[in-house]
PDB file of N, CA and C in Angstrom:
ATOM      1  N   MET A   1      27.265 -48.298  38.150  1.00  0.00           N
ATOM      2  CA  MET A   1      26.784 -47.465  37.073  1.00  0.00           C
ATOM      3  C   MET A   1      27.770 -46.322  36.852  1.00  0.00           C
ATOM      4  N   ILE A   2      28.059 -46.055  35.609  1.00  0.00           N
ATOM      5  CA  ILE A   2      28.980 -44.983  35.249  1.00  0.00           C
ATOM      6  C   ILE A   2      28.199 -43.686  35.134  1.00  0.00           C
ATOM      7  N   ASN A   3      28.726 -42.623  35.758  1.00  0.00           N
ATOM      8  CA  ASN A   3      28.086 -41.318  35.661  1.00  0.00           C
ATOM      9  C   ASN A   3      28.468 -40.652  34.350  1.00  0.00           C
ATOM     10  N   THR A   4      27.547 -40.601  33.429  1.00  0.00           N
ATOM     11  CA  THR A   4      27.759 -39.893  32.172  1.00  0.00           C
ATOM     12  C   THR A   4      26.989 -38.582  32.250  1.00  0.00           C
ATOM     13  N   PRO A   5      27.281 -37.655  31.363  1.00  0.00           N
ATOM     14  CA  PRO A   5      26.503 -36.413  31.371  1.00  0.00           C
ATOM     15  C   PRO A   5      25.000 -36.677  31.254  1.00  0.00           C
ATOM     16  N   GLN A   6      24.618 -37.698  30.488  1.00  0.00           N
ATOM     17  CA  GLN A   6      23.190 -37.998  30.326  1.00  0.00           C
ATOM     18  C   GLN A   6      22.573 -38.491  31.632  1.00  0.00           C
ATOM     19  N   THR A   7      23.256 -39.402  32.338  1.00  0.00           N
ATOM     20  CA  THR A   7      22.681 -39.905  33.590  1.00  0.00           C
ATOM     21  C   THR A   7      22.671 -38.817  34.646  1.00  0.00           C
ATOM     22  N   GLN A   8      23.655 -37.930  34.635  1.00  0.00           N
ATOM     23  CA  GLN A   8      23.653 -36.809  35.570  1.00  0.00           C
ATOM     24  C   GLN A   8      22.490 -35.882  35.269  1.00  0.00           C
ATOM     25  N   LYS A   9      22.216 -35.628  33.979  1.00  0.00           N
ATOM     26  CA  LYS A   9      21.102 -34.773  33.579  1.00  0.00           C
ATOM     27  C   LYS A   9      19.780 -35.403  34.014  1.00  0.00           C
ATOM     28  N   GLU A  10      19.623 -36.703  33.774  1.00  0.00           N
ATOM     29  CA  GLU A  10      18.396 -37.392  34.164  1.00  0.00           C
ATOM     30  C   GLU A  10      18.188 -37.305  35.671  1.00  0.00           C
ATOM     31  N   ALA A  11      19.248 -37.472  36.438  1.00  0.00           N
ATOM     32  CA  ALA A  11      19.140 -37.398  37.891  1.00  0.00           C
ATOM     33  C   ALA A  11      18.764 -35.992  38.338  1.00  0.00           C
ATOM     34  N   SER A  12      19.348 -34.972  37.717  1.00  0.00           N
ATOM     35  CA  SER A  12      19.036 -33.599  38.113  1.00  0.00           C
ATOM     36  C   SER A  12      17.601 -33.230  37.761  1.00  0.00           C
ATOM     37  N   GLU A  13      17.034 -33.867  36.741  1.00  0.00           N
ATOM     38  CA  GLU A  13      15.650 -33.593  36.371  1.00  0.00           C
ATOM     39  C   GLU A  13      14.674 -34.166  37.391  1.00  0.00           C
ATOM     40  N   ARG A  14      15.147 -35.048  38.255  1.00  0.00           N
ATOM     41  CA  ARG A  14      14.268 -35.686  39.223  1.00  0.00           C
ATOM     42  C   ARG A  14      14.498 -35.183  40.644  1.00  0.00           C
ATOM     43  N   VAL A  15      15.157 -34.044  40.779  1.00  0.00           N
ATOM     44  CA  VAL A  15      15.362 -33.457  42.099  1.00  0.00           C
ATOM     45  C   VAL A  15      14.010 -32.978  42.609  1.00  0.00           C
ATOM     46  N   LEU A  16      13.740 -33.261  43.885  1.00  0.00           N
ATOM     47  CA  LEU A  16      12.450 -32.892  44.470  1.00  0.00           C
ATOM     48  C   LEU A  16      12.602 -31.707  45.409  1.00  0.00           C
ATOM     49  N   ALA A  17      11.520 -30.935  45.543  1.00  0.00           N
ATOM     50  CA  ALA A  17      11.542 -29.753  46.396  1.00  0.00           C
ATOM     51  C   ALA A  17      10.237 -29.652  47.175  1.00  0.00           C
ATOM     52  N   SER A  18      10.328 -29.103  48.376  1.00  0.00           N
ATOM     53  CA  SER A  18       9.154 -28.871  49.213  1.00  0.00           C
ATOM     54  C   SER A  18       8.435 -27.595  48.761  1.00  0.00           C
ATOM     55  N   ASP A  19       7.244 -27.359  49.321  1.00  0.00           N
ATOM     56  CA  ASP A  19       6.528 -26.124  48.996  1.00  0.00           C
ATOM     57  C   ASP A  19       7.322 -24.900  49.452  1.00  0.00           C
ATOM     58  N   LYS A  20       8.070 -25.039  50.527  1.00  0.00           N
ATOM     59  CA  LYS A  20       8.906 -23.934  51.007  1.00  0.00           C
ATOM     60  C   LYS A  20       9.989 -23.601  49.977  1.00  0.00           C
ATOM     61  N   THR A  21      10.615 -24.625  49.411  1.00  0.00           N
ATOM     62  CA  THR A  21      11.644 -24.409  48.399  1.00  0.00           C
ATOM     63  C   THR A  21      11.052 -23.847  47.119  1.00  0.00           C
ATOM     64  N   VAL A  22       9.899 -24.369  46.705  1.00  0.00           N
ATOM     65  CA  VAL A  22       9.233 -23.850  45.503  1.00  0.00           C
ATOM     66  C   VAL A  22       8.846 -22.391  45.725  1.00  0.00           C
ATOM     67  N   ALA A  23       8.393 -22.055  46.923  1.00  0.00           N
ATOM     68  CA  ALA A  23       8.055 -20.665  47.234  1.00  0.00           C
ATOM     69  C   ALA A  23       9.274 -19.768  47.043  1.00  0.00           C
ATOM     70  N   LYS A  24      10.437 -20.237  47.461  1.00  0.00           N
ATOM     71  CA  LYS A  24      11.665 -19.459  47.259  1.00  0.00           C
ATOM     72  C   LYS A  24      11.985 -19.326  45.773  1.00  0.00           C
ATOM     73  N   MET A  25      11.723 -20.384  45.005  1.00  0.00           N
ATOM     74  CA  MET A  25      11.998 -20.351  43.565  1.00  0.00           C
ATOM     75  C   MET A  25      11.178 -19.277  42.869  1.00  0.00           C
ATOM     76  N   ILE A  26       9.936 -19.070  43.332  1.00  0.00           N
ATOM     77  CA  ILE A  26       9.063 -18.083  42.694  1.00  0.00           C
ATOM     78  C   ILE A  26       8.998 -16.788  43.483  1.00  0.00           C
ATOM     79  N   ASP A  27       9.783 -16.688  44.548  1.00  0.00           N
ATOM     80  CA  ASP A  27       9.816 -15.516  45.417  1.00  0.00           C
ATOM     81  C   ASP A  27       8.406 -15.180  45.914  1.00  0.00           C
ATOM     82  N   GLY A  28       7.744 -16.216  46.436  1.00  0.00           N
ATOM     83  CA  GLY A  28       6.398 -16.057  46.969  1.00  0.00           C
ATOM     84  C   GLY A  28       6.267 -16.822  48.272  1.00  0.00           C
ATOM     85  N   SER A  29       5.038 -16.932  48.724  1.00  0.00           N
ATOM     86  CA  SER A  29       4.769 -17.656  49.960  1.00  0.00           C
ATOM     87  C   SER A  29       4.345 -19.091  49.658  1.00  0.00           C
ATOM     88  N   ARG A  30       4.298 -19.895  50.692  1.00  0.00           N
ATOM     89  CA  ARG A  30       3.816 -21.272  50.531  1.00  0.00           C
ATOM     90  C   ARG A  30       2.363 -21.256  50.088  1.00  0.00           C
ATOM     91  N   ALA A  31       1.577 -20.307  50.606  1.00  0.00           N
ATOM     92  CA  ALA A  31       0.168 -20.195  50.197  1.00  0.00           C
ATOM     93  C   ALA A  31       0.068 -19.878  48.703  1.00  0.00           C
ATOM     94  N   THR A  32       0.971 -19.038  48.218  1.00  0.00           N
ATOM     95  CA  THR A  32       0.984 -18.710  46.789  1.00  0.00           C
ATOM     96  C   THR A  32       1.278 -19.949  45.957  1.00  0.00           C
ATOM     97  N   VAL A  33       2.198 -20.772  46.422  1.00  0.00           N
ATOM     98  CA  VAL A  33       2.498 -22.021  45.702  1.00  0.00           C
ATOM     99  C   VAL A  33       1.225 -22.830  45.550  1.00  0.00           C
ATOM    100  N   TRP A  34       0.493 -23.012  46.627  1.00  0.00           N
ATOM    101  CA  TRP A  34      -0.728 -23.826  46.575  1.00  0.00           C
ATOM    102  C   TRP A  34      -1.810 -23.172  45.723  1.00  0.00           C
ATOM    103  N   ARG A  35      -1.902 -21.835  45.720  1.00  0.00           N
ATOM    104  CA  ARG A  35      -2.861 -21.157  44.826  1.00  0.00           C
ATOM    105  C   ARG A  35      -2.478 -21.386  43.375  1.00  0.00           C
ATOM    106  N   ARG A  36      -1.176 -21.327  43.076  1.00  0.00           N
ATOM    107  CA  ARG A  36      -0.719 -21.544  41.696  1.00  0.00           C
ATOM    108  C   ARG A  36      -0.910 -22.996  41.260  1.00  0.00           C
ATOM    109  N   VAL A  37      -0.824 -23.930  42.194  1.00  0.00           N
ATOM    110  CA  VAL A  37      -1.136 -25.326  41.860  1.00  0.00           C
ATOM    111  C   VAL A  37      -2.622 -25.440  41.542  1.00  0.00           C
ATOM    112  N   LYS A  38      -3.445 -24.814  42.360  1.00  0.00           N
ATOM    113  CA  LYS A  38      -4.894 -24.880  42.166  1.00  0.00           C
ATOM    114  C   LYS A  38      -5.315 -24.281  40.822  1.00  0.00           C
ATOM    115  N   ASP A  39      -4.677 -23.158  40.440  1.00  0.00           N
ATOM    116  CA  ASP A  39      -5.042 -22.542  39.155  1.00  0.00           C
ATOM    117  C   ASP A  39      -4.226 -23.102  37.984  1.00  0.00           C
ATOM    118  N   ARG A  40      -3.424 -24.124  38.272  1.00  0.00           N
ATOM    119  CA  ARG A  40      -2.640 -24.866  37.271  1.00  0.00           C
ATOM    120  C   ARG A  40      -1.503 -24.069  36.645  1.00  0.00           C
ATOM    121  N   THR A  41      -1.083 -22.989  37.308  1.00  0.00           N
ATOM    122  CA  THR A  41       0.100 -22.259  36.855  1.00  0.00           C
ATOM    123  C   THR A  41       1.349 -23.049  37.205  1.00  0.00           C
ATOM    124  N   LEU A  42       1.320 -23.746  38.335  1.00  0.00           N
ATOM    125  CA  LEU A  42       2.410 -24.636  38.744  1.00  0.00           C
ATOM    126  C   LEU A  42       1.921 -26.072  38.654  1.00  0.00           C
ATOM    127  N   PRO A  43       2.848 -27.016  38.455  1.00  0.00           N
ATOM    128  CA  PRO A  43       2.460 -28.430  38.336  1.00  0.00           C
ATOM    129  C   PRO A  43       1.983 -29.013  39.669  1.00  0.00           C
ATOM    130  N   GLN A  44       1.268 -30.094  39.561  1.00  0.00           N
ATOM    131  CA  GLN A  44       0.834 -30.837  40.741  1.00  0.00           C
ATOM    132  C   GLN A  44       2.053 -31.470  41.413  1.00  0.00           C
ATOM    133  N   PRO A  45       2.067 -31.508  42.731  1.00  0.00           N
ATOM    134  CA  PRO A  45       3.160 -32.192  43.425  1.00  0.00           C
ATOM    135  C   PRO A  45       2.955 -33.698  43.388  1.00  0.00           C
ATOM    136  N   ILE A  46       3.975 -34.412  43.824  1.00  0.00           N
ATOM    137  CA  ILE A  46       3.865 -35.858  43.977  1.00  0.00           C
ATOM    138  C   ILE A  46       3.964 -36.180  45.466  1.00  0.00           C
ATOM    139  N   LYS A  47       3.472 -37.334  45.838  1.00  0.00           N
ATOM    140  CA  LYS A  47       3.577 -37.809  47.212  1.00  0.00           C
ATOM    141  C   LYS A  47       4.690 -38.834  47.295  1.00  0.00           C
ATOM    142  N   VAL A  48       5.554 -38.645  48.269  1.00  0.00           N
ATOM    143  CA  VAL A  48       6.638 -39.589  48.536  1.00  0.00           C
ATOM    144  C   VAL A  48       6.491 -39.963  50.002  1.00  0.00           C
ATOM    145  N   GLY A  49       5.900 -41.128  50.244  1.00  0.00           N
ATOM    146  CA  GLY A  49       5.568 -41.476  51.625  1.00  0.00           C
ATOM    147  C   GLY A  49       4.574 -40.453  52.145  1.00  0.00           C
ATOM    148  N   GLY A  50       4.873 -39.823  53.244  1.00  0.00           N
ATOM    149  CA  GLY A  50       4.007 -38.785  53.787  1.00  0.00           C
ATOM    150  C   GLY A  50       4.392 -37.387  53.350  1.00  0.00           C
ATOM    151  N   LEU A  51       5.347 -37.284  52.437  1.00  0.00           N
ATOM    152  CA  LEU A  51       5.842 -35.982  51.997  1.00  0.00           C
ATOM    153  C   LEU A  51       5.189 -35.552  50.695  1.00  0.00           C
ATOM    154  N   THR A  52       5.008 -34.262  50.534  1.00  0.00           N
ATOM    155  CA  THR A  52       4.518 -33.684  49.288  1.00  0.00           C
ATOM    156  C   THR A  52       5.675 -32.911  48.670  1.00  0.00           C
ATOM    157  N   ARG A  53       6.023 -33.274  47.438  1.00  0.00           N
ATOM    158  CA  ARG A  53       7.181 -32.678  46.794  1.00  0.00           C
ATOM    159  C   ARG A  53       6.900 -32.377  45.321  1.00  0.00           C
ATOM    160  N   TRP A  54       7.626 -31.392  44.790  1.00  0.00           N
ATOM    161  CA  TRP A  54       7.550 -31.029  43.378  1.00  0.00           C
ATOM    162  C   TRP A  54       8.826 -31.457  42.691  1.00  0.00           C
ATOM    163  N   VAL A  55       8.707 -31.839  41.429  1.00  0.00           N
ATOM    164  CA  VAL A  55       9.867 -32.137  40.608  1.00  0.00           C
ATOM    165  C   VAL A  55      10.397 -30.779  40.131  1.00  0.00           C
ATOM    166  N   VAL A  56      11.620 -30.460  40.510  1.00  0.00           N
ATOM    167  CA  VAL A  56      12.185 -29.132  40.247  1.00  0.00           C
ATOM    168  C   VAL A  56      12.148 -28.790  38.765  1.00  0.00           C
ATOM    169  N   SER A  57      12.487 -29.730  37.908  1.00  0.00           N
ATOM    170  CA  SER A  57      12.507 -29.436  36.463  1.00  0.00           C
ATOM    171  C   SER A  57      11.113 -29.077  35.959  1.00  0.00           C
ATOM    172  N   GLU A  58      10.066 -29.653  36.544  1.00  0.00           N
ATOM    173  CA  GLU A  58       8.700 -29.317  36.135  1.00  0.00           C
ATOM    174  C   GLU A  58       8.339 -27.899  36.571  1.00  0.00           C
ATOM    175  N   VAL A  59       8.788 -27.495  37.756  1.00  0.00           N
ATOM    176  CA  VAL A  59       8.545 -26.131  38.226  1.00  0.00           C
ATOM    177  C   VAL A  59       9.289 -25.148  37.326  1.00  0.00           C
ATOM    178  N   GLN A  60      10.534 -25.462  37.005  1.00  0.00           N
ATOM    179  CA  GLN A  60      11.318 -24.591  36.126  1.00  0.00           C
ATOM    180  C   GLN A  60      10.662 -24.477  34.752  1.00  0.00           C
ATOM    181  N   GLU A  61      10.127 -25.575  34.254  1.00  0.00           N
ATOM    182  CA  GLU A  61       9.441 -25.576  32.961  1.00  0.00           C
ATOM    183  C   GLU A  61       8.199 -24.686  33.023  1.00  0.00           C
ATOM    184  N   ALA A  62       7.449 -24.751  34.118  1.00  0.00           N
ATOM    185  CA  ALA A  62       6.260 -23.908  34.274  1.00  0.00           C
ATOM    186  C   ALA A  62       6.642 -22.432  34.285  1.00  0.00           C
ATOM    187  N   ILE A  63       7.747 -22.114  34.941  1.00  0.00           N
ATOM    188  CA  ILE A  63       8.223 -20.732  34.971  1.00  0.00           C
ATOM    189  C   ILE A  63       8.609 -20.284  33.559  1.00  0.00           C
ATOM    190  N   GLU A  64       9.310 -21.130  32.827  1.00  0.00           N
ATOM    191  CA  GLU A  64       9.711 -20.802  31.455  1.00  0.00           C
ATOM    192  C   GLU A  64       8.486 -20.579  30.564  1.00  0.00           C
ATOM    193  N   LYS A  65       7.442 -21.377  30.748  1.00  0.00           N
ATOM    194  CA  LYS A  65       6.211 -21.205  29.962  1.00  0.00           C
ATOM    195  C   LYS A  65       5.576 -19.853  30.247  1.00  0.00           C
ATOM    196  N   ARG A  66       5.564 -19.445  31.522  1.00  0.00           N
ATOM    197  CA  ARG A  66       4.994 -18.140  31.882  1.00  0.00           C
ATOM    198  C   ARG A  66       5.816 -17.016  31.263  1.00  0.00           C
ATOM    199  N   ILE A  67       7.122 -17.174  31.215  1.00  0.00           N
ATOM    200  CA  ILE A  67       7.975 -16.159  30.579  1.00  0.00           C
ATOM    201  C   ILE A  67       7.653 -16.078  29.082  1.00  0.00           C
ATOM    202  N   ALA A  68       7.485 -17.230  28.443  1.00  0.00           N
ATOM    203  CA  ALA A  68       7.161 -17.256  27.022  1.00  0.00           C
ATOM    204  C   ALA A  68       5.815 -16.587  26.747  1.00  0.00           C
ATOM    205  N   VAL A  69       4.835 -16.832  27.613  1.00  0.00           N
ATOM    206  CA  VAL A  69       3.520 -16.190  27.456  1.00  0.00           C
ATOM    207  C   VAL A  69       3.664 -14.685  27.576  1.00  0.00           C
ATOM    208  N   ARG A  70       4.401 -14.248  28.599  1.00  0.00           N
ATOM    209  CA  ARG A  70       4.620 -12.810  28.794  1.00  0.00           C
ATOM    210  C   ARG A  70       5.277 -12.199  27.563  1.00  0.00           C
ATOM    211  N   ASP A  71       6.303 -12.842  27.050  1.00  0.00           N
ATOM    212  CA  ASP A  71       7.028 -12.316  25.904  1.00  0.00           C
ATOM    213  C   ASP A  71       6.149 -12.285  24.652  1.00  0.00           C
ATOM    214  N   ALA A  72       5.318 -13.301  24.484  1.00  0.00           N
ATOM    215  CA  ALA A  72       4.418 -13.342  23.330  1.00  0.00           C
ATOM    216  C   ALA A  72       3.366 -12.232  23.428  1.00  0.00           C
ATOM    217  N   GLU A  73       2.871 -11.980  24.622  1.00  0.00           N
ATOM    218  CA  GLU A  73       1.872 -10.929  24.806  1.00  0.00           C
ATOM    219  C   GLU A  73       2.480  -9.548  24.603  1.00  0.00           C
ATOM    220  N   ALA A  74       3.762  -9.393  24.898  1.00  0.00           N
ATOM    221  CA  ALA A  74       4.437  -8.097  24.758  1.00  0.00           C
ATOM    222  C   ALA A  74       4.783  -7.802  23.301  1.00  0.00           C
ATOM    223  N   ALA A  75       4.870  -8.856  22.492  1.00  0.00           N
ATOM    224  CA  ALA A  75       5.271  -8.675  21.087  1.00  0.00           C
ATOM    225  C   ALA A  75       4.155  -8.116  20.230  1.00  0.00           C
TER     226      ALA A  75
END
């Protein structure tokens, strides 16, 4: 398979992260990650074997949505 910018982009959209990594992304604790999943601020994780992981692009999208909400409320 030839690596094109599109296939590289698709692959980067499927990078997975643990709750510890997601906690670092939001500068919070692992417990905060799970609270945000419960209140639907963050996306649901997926199961990979016995592992629980988040799709990084989905977490980034959730963060961007929160920024947009904040900006809309400030306007």
